Amino acid sequence: MYTFSSKLKTFSFILMILGLLGVGYAFFTAPSTVQEVEAILAEQHDGHDSHSTVVHNDAAEHKEHTTTETEKTVVAPVAVISTDSSVANTSILKDTIAVSSTLVANKVVTAKTPIASSSYVNKNNKIDEHAEHQAHLEHVLHQLSNKPWAAVYVAAIFFLLLTMGVLAFYAIQIVAQAGWSPVLFRVMQGITAYLPVGSIIFFILLILSGLHFNHLFVWMDADVVAADKLIQNKSGYLNFPFWIARAAIFLIGWNLYNYYTKKFCLAQDRATDNLQYKKNFNASAIFMVFFIVSESIMSWDWIMSVDPHWFSTLFGWYVFASFFVSGITVIMLVTIFMKSLNLLPNVNTSHLHDLAKFIFGFSIFWTYLWFSQFMLIWYANIPEEVTYFITRIEDYQIPFFATIGMNFLFPVLILINTDFKRISWILVMAGIVILLGHYVDFFVMIMPATVGDQWFIGIAEIGSVLFFLGLFIFVVFTAMAKSPLLPERHPLIEESKHFHY
């Protein structure tokens, strides 16, 4: 039996406390008025005149807004993609409804074809620089107000889906009747103990979004929907009651399987036949069907819908590859930690080698999906699709391309060597880089649509990761201390104990 050490428990509490303090500070210091935003922008653009403080980069100068004489409607520009070889290949207008999380006060935001103007115009068609200035300040205000919420959301969904990756991997082992992995089942079950806790926290975040505590999902704003024909066409699917009901079904379904599979596995240890094992097999087979469907829909609902104008048919697979390889990586890291405590005596280097092979293989799979999604959308050059990548390449260039290095180049160069797959310190180093890389991957998927170009890795992001990491450590190792580390009566346990090649 494993005993949750007081040092590790204290460490988890320290992480949670530091994380809460960081998140609380981020919410407390988030700007609440346009005057505060103007001061922030003035600091960012120190040395420029007062008007240039509202210009964030060259692309922002190409925003195209207009107001009608009767409605004074603020037009949210859409991306313009040039196919003329004599012109620059792409010209992006960043403040589209897809990436905007706000409405300018008392105005209706609409998505229309932009006109050849870079400012607001009054009824005499004269440039109204003050109106543009104020509108941009309010837009940035909503982005900066969103930032702490988005940081918490990214960390919450990352740890939740990471746990789901472990649960899916465990279910696959059961259904495949794999003979090498039963000695790792208690590690997997310990990790998935985080699922109920993570589900509750994440569901609360979803409800708070629906109650308009934040603007993470622009399609939840009735004014935006009323002014946007494309979102209106999706309103039968993207509406809060149906959306939150789907989330409840998915989370409840995942947690029910997690509860019953552990129950069956523990009952098998006390049984005199294999009935509990067969029940676990049947439950796992049913879960795999449910998981395949729910995972795709979940990725649309919780991640892709922050960009309601954009979609990709590969997105569900892409998200799956990211959290699945993260889950396997955590299994490996926890296993190595338990081995360092002289526990799990039946786990040998062959087991670690197999885990590393899965990590290597799914890192390649993730890269294949990353490239396929990027290449197909970029080559097609359809405005509402390619905008997704232009905003990330222009505003998130470092993290966007860093994911390739951290999630593909690094694991491939390290784990392609057979001997390295058996050396613990190399596996730990690779595992940490891979987990950080896939956190950045989720960051790049969510942040551009919620905070625009007002991003940076700051106290909110670090605090959120620390809190959920501390909570994850506490829940996982508390659960592992409650049950034996070896499923004694599993039909394939002897094969797993003697697994060598």
Protein backbone atom coordinates (compact mmCIF):
# COMPACT_ATOMS: atom_id res chain seq x y z
CA MET A 1 0.00 0.00 0.00
CA TYR A 2 1.11 3.52 -0.78
CA THR A 3 1.15 6.17 1.94
CA PHE A 4 0.60 9.76 0.88
CA SER A 5 3.62 11.47 2.41
CA SER A 6 3.17 14.64 4.43
CA LYS A 7 5.85 16.39 2.34
CA LEU A 8 4.03 15.74 -0.94
CA LYS A 9 0.72 16.69 0.64
CA THR A 10 2.20 19.95 1.95
CA PHE A 11 3.69 20.62 -1.48
CA SER A 12 0.28 20.19 -3.12
CA PHE A 13 -1.30 22.60 -0.65
CA ILE A 14 1.44 25.17 -1.27
CA LEU A 15 0.80 24.94 -5.01
CA MET A 16 -2.94 25.40 -4.50
CA ILE A 17 -2.49 28.37 -2.17
CA LEU A 18 0.01 30.08 -4.47
CA GLY A 19 -2.28 29.38 -7.40
CA LEU A 20 -5.32 30.84 -5.67
CA LEU A 21 -3.36 33.93 -4.66
CA GLY A 22 -2.15 34.37 -8.22
CA VAL A 23 -5.60 33.93 -9.73
CA GLY A 24 -7.16 36.22 -7.13
CA TYR A 25 -4.55 38.88 -7.82
CA ALA A 26 -5.19 38.59 -11.57
CA PHE A 27 -8.92 39.14 -11.12
CA PHE A 28 -8.35 41.97 -8.64
CA THR A 29 -5.96 43.83 -10.93
CA ALA A 30 -7.93 43.31 -14.14
CA PRO A 31 -8.99 46.72 -15.53
CA SER A 32 -12.60 47.73 -15.00
CA THR A 33 -12.74 51.06 -16.85
CA VAL A 34 -11.58 52.39 -20.19
CA GLN A 35 -9.45 54.92 -18.33
CA GLU A 36 -7.43 52.09 -16.80
CA VAL A 37 -7.10 50.46 -20.21
CA GLU A 38 -5.87 53.73 -21.71
CA ALA A 39 -3.23 53.98 -19.00
CA ILE A 40 -2.12 50.39 -19.68
CA LEU A 41 -1.88 51.03 -23.40
CA ALA A 42 0.00 54.25 -22.77
CA GLU A 43 2.61 52.30 -20.82
CA GLN A 44 2.83 49.69 -23.58
CA HIS A 45 3.33 52.37 -26.22
CA ASP A 46 5.50 54.73 -24.23
CA GLY A 47 7.15 57.25 -26.52
CA HIS A 48 4.22 57.54 -28.96
CA ASP A 49 1.57 60.24 -29.11
CA SER A 50 -1.79 59.77 -27.41
CA HIS A 51 -3.56 58.57 -30.55
CA SER A 52 -1.00 55.90 -31.36
CA THR A 53 -1.60 54.24 -28.02
CA VAL A 54 -4.69 52.62 -29.44
CA VAL A 55 -2.78 51.02 -32.31
CA HIS A 56 -1.39 47.65 -31.20
CA ASN A 57 0.32 46.53 -34.36
CA ASP A 58 0.34 47.05 -38.10
CA ALA A 59 -2.64 44.78 -38.68
CA ALA A 60 -4.81 46.77 -36.29
CA GLU A 61 -4.52 49.74 -38.66
CA HIS A 62 -6.56 47.77 -41.20
CA LYS A 63 -9.72 47.49 -39.05
CA GLU A 64 -12.71 48.53 -41.11
CA HIS A 65 -15.75 49.84 -39.27
CA THR A 66 -18.73 51.90 -40.28
CA THR A 67 -21.97 53.20 -38.83
CA THR A 68 -25.20 53.76 -40.69
CA GLU A 69 -26.85 57.15 -40.45
CA THR A 70 -30.01 55.76 -38.88
CA GLU A 71 -28.83 52.84 -36.77
CA LYS A 72 -25.27 53.96 -36.01
CA THR A 73 -24.26 50.31 -36.30
CA VAL A 74 -20.70 49.35 -35.53
CA VAL A 75 -19.50 46.94 -38.17
CA ALA A 76 -17.14 44.18 -37.05
CA PRO A 77 -14.75 43.57 -39.92
CA VAL A 78 -14.21 40.17 -41.42
CA ALA A 79 -11.03 38.73 -42.79
CA VAL A 80 -10.10 39.65 -46.32
CA ILE A 81 -8.03 37.04 -48.07
CA SER A 82 -6.36 38.16 -51.25
CA THR A 83 -5.79 35.66 -54.01
CA ASP A 84 -4.19 38.19 -56.32
CA SER A 85 -0.55 37.27 -56.73
CA SER A 86 0.34 40.94 -57.10
CA VAL A 87 -0.97 41.65 -53.64
CA ALA A 88 0.20 40.26 -50.33
CA ASN A 89 -1.23 36.80 -49.97
CA THR A 90 -3.29 37.53 -46.88
CA SER A 91 -4.67 40.58 -45.14
CA ILE A 92 -6.32 39.94 -41.79
CA LEU A 93 -8.73 42.09 -39.89
CA LYS A 94 -8.34 40.77 -36.41
CA ASP A 95 -11.36 42.08 -34.61
CA THR A 96 -13.89 39.74 -36.21
CA ILE A 97 -16.85 38.47 -34.29
CA ALA A 98 -15.10 35.12 -34.24
CA VAL A 99 -12.28 36.51 -32.13
CA SER A 100 -14.10 39.35 -30.43
CA SER A 101 -15.63 38.66 -27.07
CA THR A 102 -17.28 42.01 -26.62
CA LEU A 103 -19.84 44.52 -27.73
CA VAL A 104 -19.18 48.21 -27.82
CA ALA A 105 -21.57 49.73 -25.30
CA ASN A 106 -25.03 50.54 -26.69
CA LYS A 107 -24.06 49.50 -30.23
CA VAL A 108 -24.86 46.41 -32.26
CA VAL A 109 -21.93 44.45 -33.63
CA THR A 110 -22.45 42.93 -37.02
CA ALA A 111 -20.31 40.93 -39.39
CA LYS A 112 -20.50 42.45 -42.87
CA THR A 113 -18.24 42.91 -45.80
CA PRO A 114 -15.84 45.67 -44.83
CA ILE A 115 -15.68 48.95 -46.63
CA ALA A 116 -12.49 50.68 -47.65
CA SER A 117 -12.20 52.71 -44.50
CA SER A 118 -10.01 52.38 -41.44
CA SER A 119 -12.12 54.33 -38.98
CA TYR A 120 -15.58 55.20 -37.82
CA VAL A 121 -17.37 57.83 -39.88
CA ASN A 122 -20.05 60.23 -38.79
CA LYS A 123 -23.18 61.13 -40.74
CA ASN A 124 -21.17 63.58 -42.84
CA ASN A 125 -18.73 60.79 -43.72
CA LYS A 126 -15.98 62.49 -41.79
CA ILE A 127 -13.51 60.49 -39.79
CA ASP A 128 -14.54 60.27 -36.14
CA GLU A 129 -11.27 59.39 -34.50
CA HIS A 130 -12.64 59.83 -31.00
CA ALA A 131 -15.38 57.23 -31.61
CA GLU A 132 -12.83 54.79 -32.96
CA HIS A 133 -10.56 55.48 -30.02
CA GLN A 134 -13.32 54.81 -27.47
CA ALA A 135 -14.58 51.72 -29.28
CA HIS A 136 -11.13 50.22 -29.36
CA LEU A 137 -10.56 50.99 -25.67
CA GLU A 138 -13.80 49.23 -24.77
CA HIS A 139 -12.81 46.28 -26.94
CA VAL A 140 -9.45 45.99 -25.17
CA LEU A 141 -11.22 46.39 -21.81
CA HIS A 142 -13.32 43.29 -22.51
CA GLN A 143 -10.25 41.38 -23.69
CA LEU A 144 -8.27 42.19 -20.54
CA SER A 145 -11.30 41.43 -18.37
CA ASN A 146 -11.53 38.06 -20.07
CA LYS A 147 -7.87 37.23 -19.50
CA PRO A 148 -8.10 35.80 -15.93
CA TRP A 149 -11.20 33.80 -16.89
CA ALA A 150 -9.50 32.44 -19.98
CA ALA A 151 -6.39 31.49 -17.98
CA VAL A 152 -8.47 29.52 -15.48
CA TYR A 153 -10.49 27.96 -18.29
CA VAL A 154 -7.40 26.75 -20.17
CA ALA A 155 -5.87 25.16 -17.06
CA ALA A 156 -9.19 23.61 -15.99
CA ILE A 157 -9.93 22.00 -19.35
CA PHE A 158 -6.31 20.86 -19.77
CA PHE A 159 -6.24 18.90 -16.50
CA LEU A 160 -9.77 17.59 -17.02
CA LEU A 161 -9.07 16.29 -20.51
CA LEU A 162 -5.66 14.99 -19.49
CA THR A 163 -7.50 12.81 -16.97
CA MET A 164 -9.91 11.75 -19.71
CA GLY A 165 -6.93 10.71 -21.79
CA VAL A 166 -5.88 8.37 -18.99
CA LEU A 167 -9.41 6.98 -18.68
CA ALA A 168 -9.63 6.36 -22.42
CA PHE A 169 -6.22 4.65 -22.44
CA TYR A 170 -7.32 2.46 -19.52
CA ALA A 171 -10.56 1.51 -21.28
CA ILE A 172 -8.63 0.61 -24.43
CA GLN A 173 -6.41 -1.74 -22.39
CA ILE A 174 -9.48 -3.45 -20.95
CA VAL A 175 -11.24 -3.86 -24.29
CA ALA A 176 -8.05 -5.00 -26.04
CA GLN A 177 -7.40 -7.50 -23.21
CA ALA A 178 -3.81 -6.26 -23.19
CA GLY A 179 -1.48 -8.48 -21.24
CA TRP A 180 1.31 -5.98 -20.57
CA SER A 181 -0.58 -3.25 -18.72
CA PRO A 182 -2.57 -4.65 -15.73
CA VAL A 183 0.27 -3.85 -13.31
CA LEU A 184 -0.32 -0.18 -14.21
CA PHE A 185 -4.10 -0.22 -13.65
CA ARG A 186 -3.97 1.16 -10.11
CA VAL A 187 -1.83 4.05 -11.32
CA MET A 188 -4.39 4.80 -14.02
CA GLN A 189 -7.27 4.53 -11.55
CA GLY A 190 -5.49 6.84 -9.15
CA ILE A 191 -5.07 9.48 -11.86
CA THR A 192 -8.70 9.22 -12.97
CA ALA A 193 -9.78 9.92 -9.38
CA TYR A 194 -9.32 13.57 -10.36
CA LEU A 195 -12.15 13.30 -12.91
CA PRO A 196 -15.10 13.97 -10.51
CA VAL A 197 -13.33 16.96 -8.93
CA GLY A 198 -12.22 18.37 -12.27
CA SER A 199 -15.70 17.82 -13.75
CA ILE A 200 -17.41 19.79 -10.99
CA ILE A 201 -15.02 22.73 -11.28
CA PHE A 202 -15.24 22.77 -15.05
CA PHE A 203 -19.04 22.52 -15.07
CA ILE A 204 -19.21 25.50 -12.71
CA LEU A 205 -17.03 27.46 -15.14
CA LEU A 206 -19.40 26.59 -17.97
CA ILE A 207 -22.42 27.74 -15.94
CA LEU A 208 -20.68 31.00 -15.04
CA SER A 209 -20.04 31.58 -18.73
CA GLY A 210 -23.73 31.06 -19.43
CA LEU A 211 -24.61 33.52 -16.68
CA HIS A 212 -22.39 36.12 -18.41
CA PHE A 213 -19.73 36.36 -15.73
CA ASN A 214 -17.32 36.39 -18.66
CA HIS A 215 -17.33 36.69 -22.45
CA LEU A 216 -15.47 33.51 -23.37
CA PHE A 217 -18.23 32.42 -25.76
CA VAL A 218 -19.49 35.29 -27.92
CA TRP A 219 -22.44 33.24 -29.20
CA MET A 220 -23.94 33.46 -25.70
CA ASP A 221 -24.47 37.20 -26.20
CA ALA A 222 -27.98 37.78 -27.54
CA ASP A 223 -26.98 41.08 -29.17
CA VAL A 224 -24.17 39.41 -31.09
CA VAL A 225 -26.46 36.62 -32.26
CA ALA A 226 -29.13 39.08 -33.36
CA ALA A 227 -26.62 40.90 -35.53
CA ASP A 228 -24.80 37.89 -36.94
CA LYS A 229 -26.52 35.77 -39.58
CA LEU A 230 -24.00 32.94 -39.43
CA ILE A 231 -24.30 32.49 -35.66
CA GLN A 232 -28.08 32.66 -36.01
CA ASN A 233 -27.90 29.70 -38.37
CA LYS A 234 -26.06 27.77 -35.66
CA SER A 235 -28.33 28.84 -32.81
CA GLY A 236 -30.27 25.60 -32.92
CA TYR A 237 -27.09 23.90 -31.74
CA LEU A 238 -25.23 26.75 -30.05
CA ASN A 239 -27.71 27.82 -27.41
CA PHE A 240 -27.00 27.69 -23.70
CA PRO A 241 -29.69 25.20 -22.52
CA PHE A 242 -28.76 22.60 -25.15
CA TRP A 243 -25.05 23.31 -24.74
CA ILE A 244 -25.01 22.91 -20.96
CA ALA A 245 -27.24 19.82 -21.20
CA ARG A 246 -24.72 18.19 -23.53
CA ALA A 247 -21.93 19.07 -21.12
CA ALA A 248 -23.84 17.50 -18.23
CA ILE A 249 -24.48 14.30 -20.21
CA PHE A 250 -20.83 13.97 -21.19
CA LEU A 251 -19.45 14.63 -17.71
CA ILE A 252 -21.96 12.36 -16.02
CA GLY A 253 -21.34 9.58 -18.54
CA TRP A 254 -17.58 9.76 -18.14
CA ASN A 255 -17.80 9.79 -14.36
CA LEU A 256 -20.25 6.89 -14.24
CA TYR A 257 -17.85 4.71 -16.22
CA ASN A 258 -14.94 5.86 -14.06
CA TYR A 259 -16.87 4.88 -10.92
CA TYR A 260 -18.06 1.49 -12.12
CA THR A 261 -14.82 0.37 -13.75
CA LYS A 262 -12.92 0.97 -10.53
CA LYS A 263 -15.68 -0.75 -8.58
CA PHE A 264 -15.52 -3.82 -10.83
CA CYS A 265 -11.72 -3.91 -10.71
CA LEU A 266 -11.59 -3.77 -6.92
CA ALA A 267 -14.39 -6.34 -6.63
CA GLN A 268 -12.41 -8.70 -8.86
CA ASP A 269 -9.67 -8.81 -6.20
CA ARG A 270 -12.16 -10.30 -3.73
CA ALA A 271 -14.01 -12.54 -6.20
CA THR A 272 -13.59 -16.27 -6.83
CA ASP A 273 -14.47 -16.09 -10.53
CA ASN A 274 -14.07 -13.66 -13.44
CA LEU A 275 -17.59 -12.22 -13.45
CA GLN A 276 -16.42 -8.77 -12.34
CA TYR A 277 -13.77 -8.81 -15.03
CA LYS A 278 -16.41 -9.56 -17.67
CA LYS A 279 -18.61 -6.76 -16.34
CA ASN A 280 -15.66 -4.41 -16.59
CA PHE A 281 -15.00 -5.53 -20.17
CA ASN A 282 -18.62 -4.89 -21.20
CA ALA A 283 -18.72 -1.50 -19.46
CA SER A 284 -15.45 -0.50 -21.16
CA ALA A 285 -16.72 -1.51 -24.60
CA ILE A 286 -19.87 0.59 -24.14
CA PHE A 287 -17.84 3.48 -22.80
CA MET A 288 -15.54 3.48 -25.83
CA VAL A 289 -18.50 4.02 -28.15
CA PHE A 290 -19.83 6.80 -25.91
CA PHE A 291 -16.39 8.36 -25.61
CA ILE A 292 -15.75 8.46 -29.35
CA VAL A 293 -18.98 10.39 -29.93
CA SER A 294 -18.85 12.61 -26.84
CA GLU A 295 -15.19 13.54 -27.32
CA SER A 296 -15.80 15.00 -30.78
CA ILE A 297 -18.87 16.95 -29.67
CA MET A 298 -17.07 18.11 -26.54
CA SER A 299 -14.22 19.54 -28.61
CA TRP A 300 -16.73 21.50 -30.71
CA ASP A 301 -18.65 22.76 -27.69
CA TRP A 302 -15.90 23.66 -25.25
CA ILE A 303 -13.05 24.72 -27.54
CA MET A 304 -14.06 25.27 -31.17
CA SER A 305 -17.17 27.30 -30.29
CA VAL A 306 -15.05 30.13 -28.85
CA ASP A 307 -14.54 30.81 -32.59
CA PRO A 308 -18.15 30.39 -33.76
CA HIS A 309 -17.38 31.46 -37.34
CA TRP A 310 -14.66 28.84 -37.74
CA PHE A 311 -14.82 25.06 -37.95
CA SER A 312 -12.63 22.13 -38.86
CA THR A 313 -13.66 18.53 -39.48
CA LEU A 314 -10.31 17.39 -38.04
CA PHE A 315 -10.66 19.32 -34.82
CA GLY A 316 -12.11 16.53 -32.69
CA TRP A 317 -9.26 14.20 -33.61
CA TYR A 318 -6.72 16.96 -33.08
CA VAL A 319 -7.95 17.70 -29.55
CA PHE A 320 -8.08 13.97 -28.79
CA ALA A 321 -4.47 13.46 -29.89
CA SER A 322 -3.36 16.33 -27.65
CA PHE A 323 -4.99 15.20 -24.41
CA PHE A 324 -4.49 11.48 -25.10
CA VAL A 325 -0.72 11.75 -25.38
CA SER A 326 -0.76 14.04 -22.31
CA GLY A 327 -2.64 11.39 -20.35
CA ILE A 328 -0.18 8.63 -21.29
CA THR A 329 2.68 10.94 -20.33
CA VAL A 330 1.19 11.45 -16.87
CA ILE A 331 0.81 7.68 -16.45
CA MET A 332 4.51 7.34 -17.20
CA LEU A 333 5.57 10.14 -14.84
CA VAL A 334 3.46 8.86 -11.92
CA THR A 335 4.74 5.32 -12.52
CA ILE A 336 8.36 6.50 -12.45
CA PHE A 337 7.67 8.45 -9.24
CA MET A 338 6.13 5.40 -7.57
CA LYS A 339 9.08 3.27 -8.71
CA SER A 340 11.43 5.79 -7.11
CA LEU A 341 9.69 5.04 -3.79
CA ASN A 342 10.42 1.32 -4.27
CA LEU A 343 6.77 0.65 -4.99
CA LEU A 344 5.34 -1.14 -8.05
CA PRO A 345 8.02 -3.87 -7.97
CA ASN A 346 6.37 -5.69 -10.88
CA VAL A 347 6.75 -2.69 -13.20
CA ASN A 348 9.97 -3.00 -15.18
CA THR A 349 11.74 -1.11 -17.94
CA SER A 350 9.71 -2.97 -20.57
CA HIS A 351 6.53 -1.38 -19.23
CA LEU A 352 8.15 2.05 -19.33
CA HIS A 353 9.39 1.31 -22.82
CA ASP A 354 5.85 0.54 -23.99
CA LEU A 355 4.48 3.73 -22.44
CA ALA A 356 7.24 5.70 -24.16
CA LYS A 357 6.38 4.03 -27.47
CA PHE A 358 2.77 5.14 -27.12
CA ILE A 359 3.93 8.68 -26.34
CA PHE A 360 6.24 8.63 -29.36
CA GLY A 361 3.52 7.27 -31.66
CA PHE A 362 0.80 9.68 -30.59
CA SER A 363 3.22 12.61 -30.77
CA ILE A 364 3.62 11.71 -34.44
CA PHE A 365 -0.17 11.37 -34.75
CA TRP A 366 -0.70 14.80 -33.19
CA THR A 367 1.80 16.31 -35.62
CA TYR A 368 0.09 14.65 -38.57
CA LEU A 369 -3.24 16.20 -37.55
CA TRP A 370 -1.65 19.59 -36.84
CA PHE A 371 -0.10 19.69 -40.30
CA SER A 372 -3.16 18.27 -42.07
CA GLN A 373 -5.51 20.82 -40.52
CA PHE A 374 -3.11 23.69 -41.20
CA MET A 375 -2.21 22.66 -44.76
CA LEU A 376 -5.77 22.02 -45.95
CA ILE A 377 -7.14 25.27 -44.52
CA TRP A 378 -4.19 27.38 -45.64
CA TYR A 379 -4.23 25.95 -49.16
CA ALA A 380 -7.99 26.45 -49.56
CA ASN A 381 -7.55 30.09 -48.44
CA ILE A 382 -11.20 30.49 -47.46
CA PRO A 383 -11.52 33.68 -45.37
CA GLU A 384 -13.63 32.35 -42.50
CA GLU A 385 -11.31 29.35 -42.14
CA VAL A 386 -7.82 30.75 -42.70
CA THR A 387 -8.48 33.59 -40.23
CA TYR A 388 -7.98 31.02 -37.45
CA PHE A 389 -4.35 30.45 -38.41
CA ILE A 390 -3.53 34.03 -39.42
CA THR A 391 -4.48 35.38 -36.00
CA ARG A 392 -2.32 32.74 -34.33
CA ILE A 393 0.67 33.18 -36.62
CA GLU A 394 0.59 36.97 -36.32
CA ASP A 395 -0.35 37.42 -32.67
CA TYR A 396 0.77 34.09 -31.13
CA GLN A 397 3.79 33.31 -33.26
CA ILE A 398 6.08 32.11 -30.47
CA PRO A 399 3.65 29.72 -28.71
CA PHE A 400 2.09 28.63 -32.01
CA PHE A 401 5.37 27.37 -33.44
CA ALA A 402 6.75 26.35 -30.04
CA THR A 403 4.14 23.59 -29.93
CA ILE A 404 5.80 21.97 -32.94
CA GLY A 405 9.15 21.93 -31.20
CA MET A 406 7.82 20.75 -27.84
CA ASN A 407 5.24 18.24 -29.06
CA PHE A 408 6.98 16.87 -32.15
CA LEU A 409 10.67 17.64 -32.60
CA PHE A 410 11.69 17.14 -28.98
CA PRO A 411 9.86 13.84 -28.29
CA VAL A 412 10.82 12.43 -31.68
CA LEU A 413 14.51 13.21 -31.27
CA ILE A 414 14.55 11.87 -27.70
CA LEU A 415 12.19 8.89 -27.85
CA ILE A 416 13.21 7.54 -31.23
CA ASN A 417 16.14 5.93 -29.42
CA THR A 418 15.16 2.54 -27.95
CA ASP A 419 17.58 2.81 -25.03
CA PHE A 420 16.30 6.24 -24.03
CA LYS A 421 12.82 4.77 -23.60
CA ARG A 422 14.13 2.81 -20.60
CA ILE A 423 16.07 5.56 -18.81
CA SER A 424 13.92 7.22 -16.14
CA TRP A 425 15.52 10.67 -16.03
CA ILE A 426 15.30 11.04 -19.80
CA LEU A 427 11.65 9.99 -19.74
CA VAL A 428 10.89 12.49 -16.95
CA MET A 429 12.58 15.30 -18.88
CA ALA A 430 10.72 14.40 -22.07
CA GLY A 431 7.44 14.04 -20.20
CA ILE A 432 7.65 17.49 -18.60
CA VAL A 433 8.40 19.14 -21.95
CA ILE A 434 5.52 17.28 -23.64
CA LEU A 435 3.02 18.28 -20.94
CA LEU A 436 4.11 21.91 -21.11
CA GLY A 437 3.87 21.74 -24.89
CA HIS A 438 0.33 20.47 -24.87
CA TYR A 439 -0.71 23.04 -22.28
CA VAL A 440 0.61 25.66 -24.72
CA ASP A 441 -1.37 23.89 -27.44
CA PHE A 442 -4.61 24.37 -25.48
CA PHE A 443 -3.54 27.94 -24.72
CA VAL A 444 -3.19 28.68 -28.44
CA MET A 445 -6.53 27.00 -29.22
CA ILE A 446 -8.49 29.14 -26.74
CA MET A 447 -6.73 32.43 -26.01
CA PRO A 448 -6.86 34.14 -29.45
CA ALA A 449 -10.66 34.06 -29.49
CA THR A 450 -11.02 35.18 -25.88
CA VAL A 451 -8.30 37.79 -25.31
CA GLY A 452 -7.13 38.58 -28.85
CA ASP A 453 -3.66 40.09 -29.01
CA GLN A 454 -3.78 41.09 -25.33
CA TRP A 455 -2.03 37.93 -24.20
CA PHE A 456 1.07 37.14 -22.21
CA ILE A 457 2.08 34.37 -19.82
CA GLY A 458 1.54 36.15 -16.55
CA ILE A 459 0.32 35.69 -13.01
CA ALA A 460 -3.14 34.55 -14.11
CA GLU A 461 -1.79 31.74 -16.29
CA ILE A 462 0.92 30.61 -13.88
CA GLY A 463 -1.44 30.82 -10.90
CA SER A 464 -4.10 28.77 -12.67
CA VAL A 465 -1.63 26.03 -13.59
CA LEU A 466 -0.23 25.93 -10.05
CA PHE A 467 -3.67 25.63 -8.48
CA PHE A 468 -4.86 22.82 -10.72
CA LEU A 469 -1.51 21.04 -10.51
CA GLY A 470 -1.65 21.14 -6.72
CA LEU A 471 -5.24 19.94 -6.70
CA PHE A 472 -4.38 17.19 -9.19
CA ILE A 473 -1.46 15.95 -7.06
CA PHE A 474 -3.54 15.97 -3.88
CA VAL A 475 -6.51 14.10 -5.35
CA VAL A 476 -4.47 11.55 -7.32
CA PHE A 477 -2.12 10.49 -4.55
CA THR A 478 -4.86 10.52 -1.94
CA ALA A 479 -6.77 8.05 -4.12
CA MET A 480 -3.71 5.87 -4.70
CA ALA A 481 -3.24 5.51 -0.94
CA LYS A 482 -6.73 4.00 -0.56
CA SER A 483 -6.33 0.77 -2.53
CA PRO A 484 -3.67 -1.89 -3.21
CA LEU A 485 -1.25 -1.01 -6.01
CA LEU A 486 -1.66 -4.40 -7.71
CA PRO A 487 -4.93 -5.91 -9.04
CA GLU A 488 -4.18 -9.39 -7.68
CA ARG A 489 -6.95 -11.39 -9.33
CA HIS A 490 -6.95 -9.85 -12.77
CA PRO A 491 -6.92 -12.76 -15.28
CA LEU A 492 -3.87 -11.34 -17.06
CA ILE A 493 -1.90 -10.18 -14.04
CA GLU A 494 0.73 -12.91 -14.23
CA GLU A 495 1.40 -12.16 -17.88
CA SER A 496 1.81 -8.51 -16.96
CA LYS A 497 4.19 -9.29 -14.08
CA HIS A 498 6.49 -11.23 -16.39
CA PHE A 499 6.32 -8.85 -19.31
CA HIS A 500 9.75 -8.64 -20.92
CA TYR A 501 11.12 -8.35 -24.44
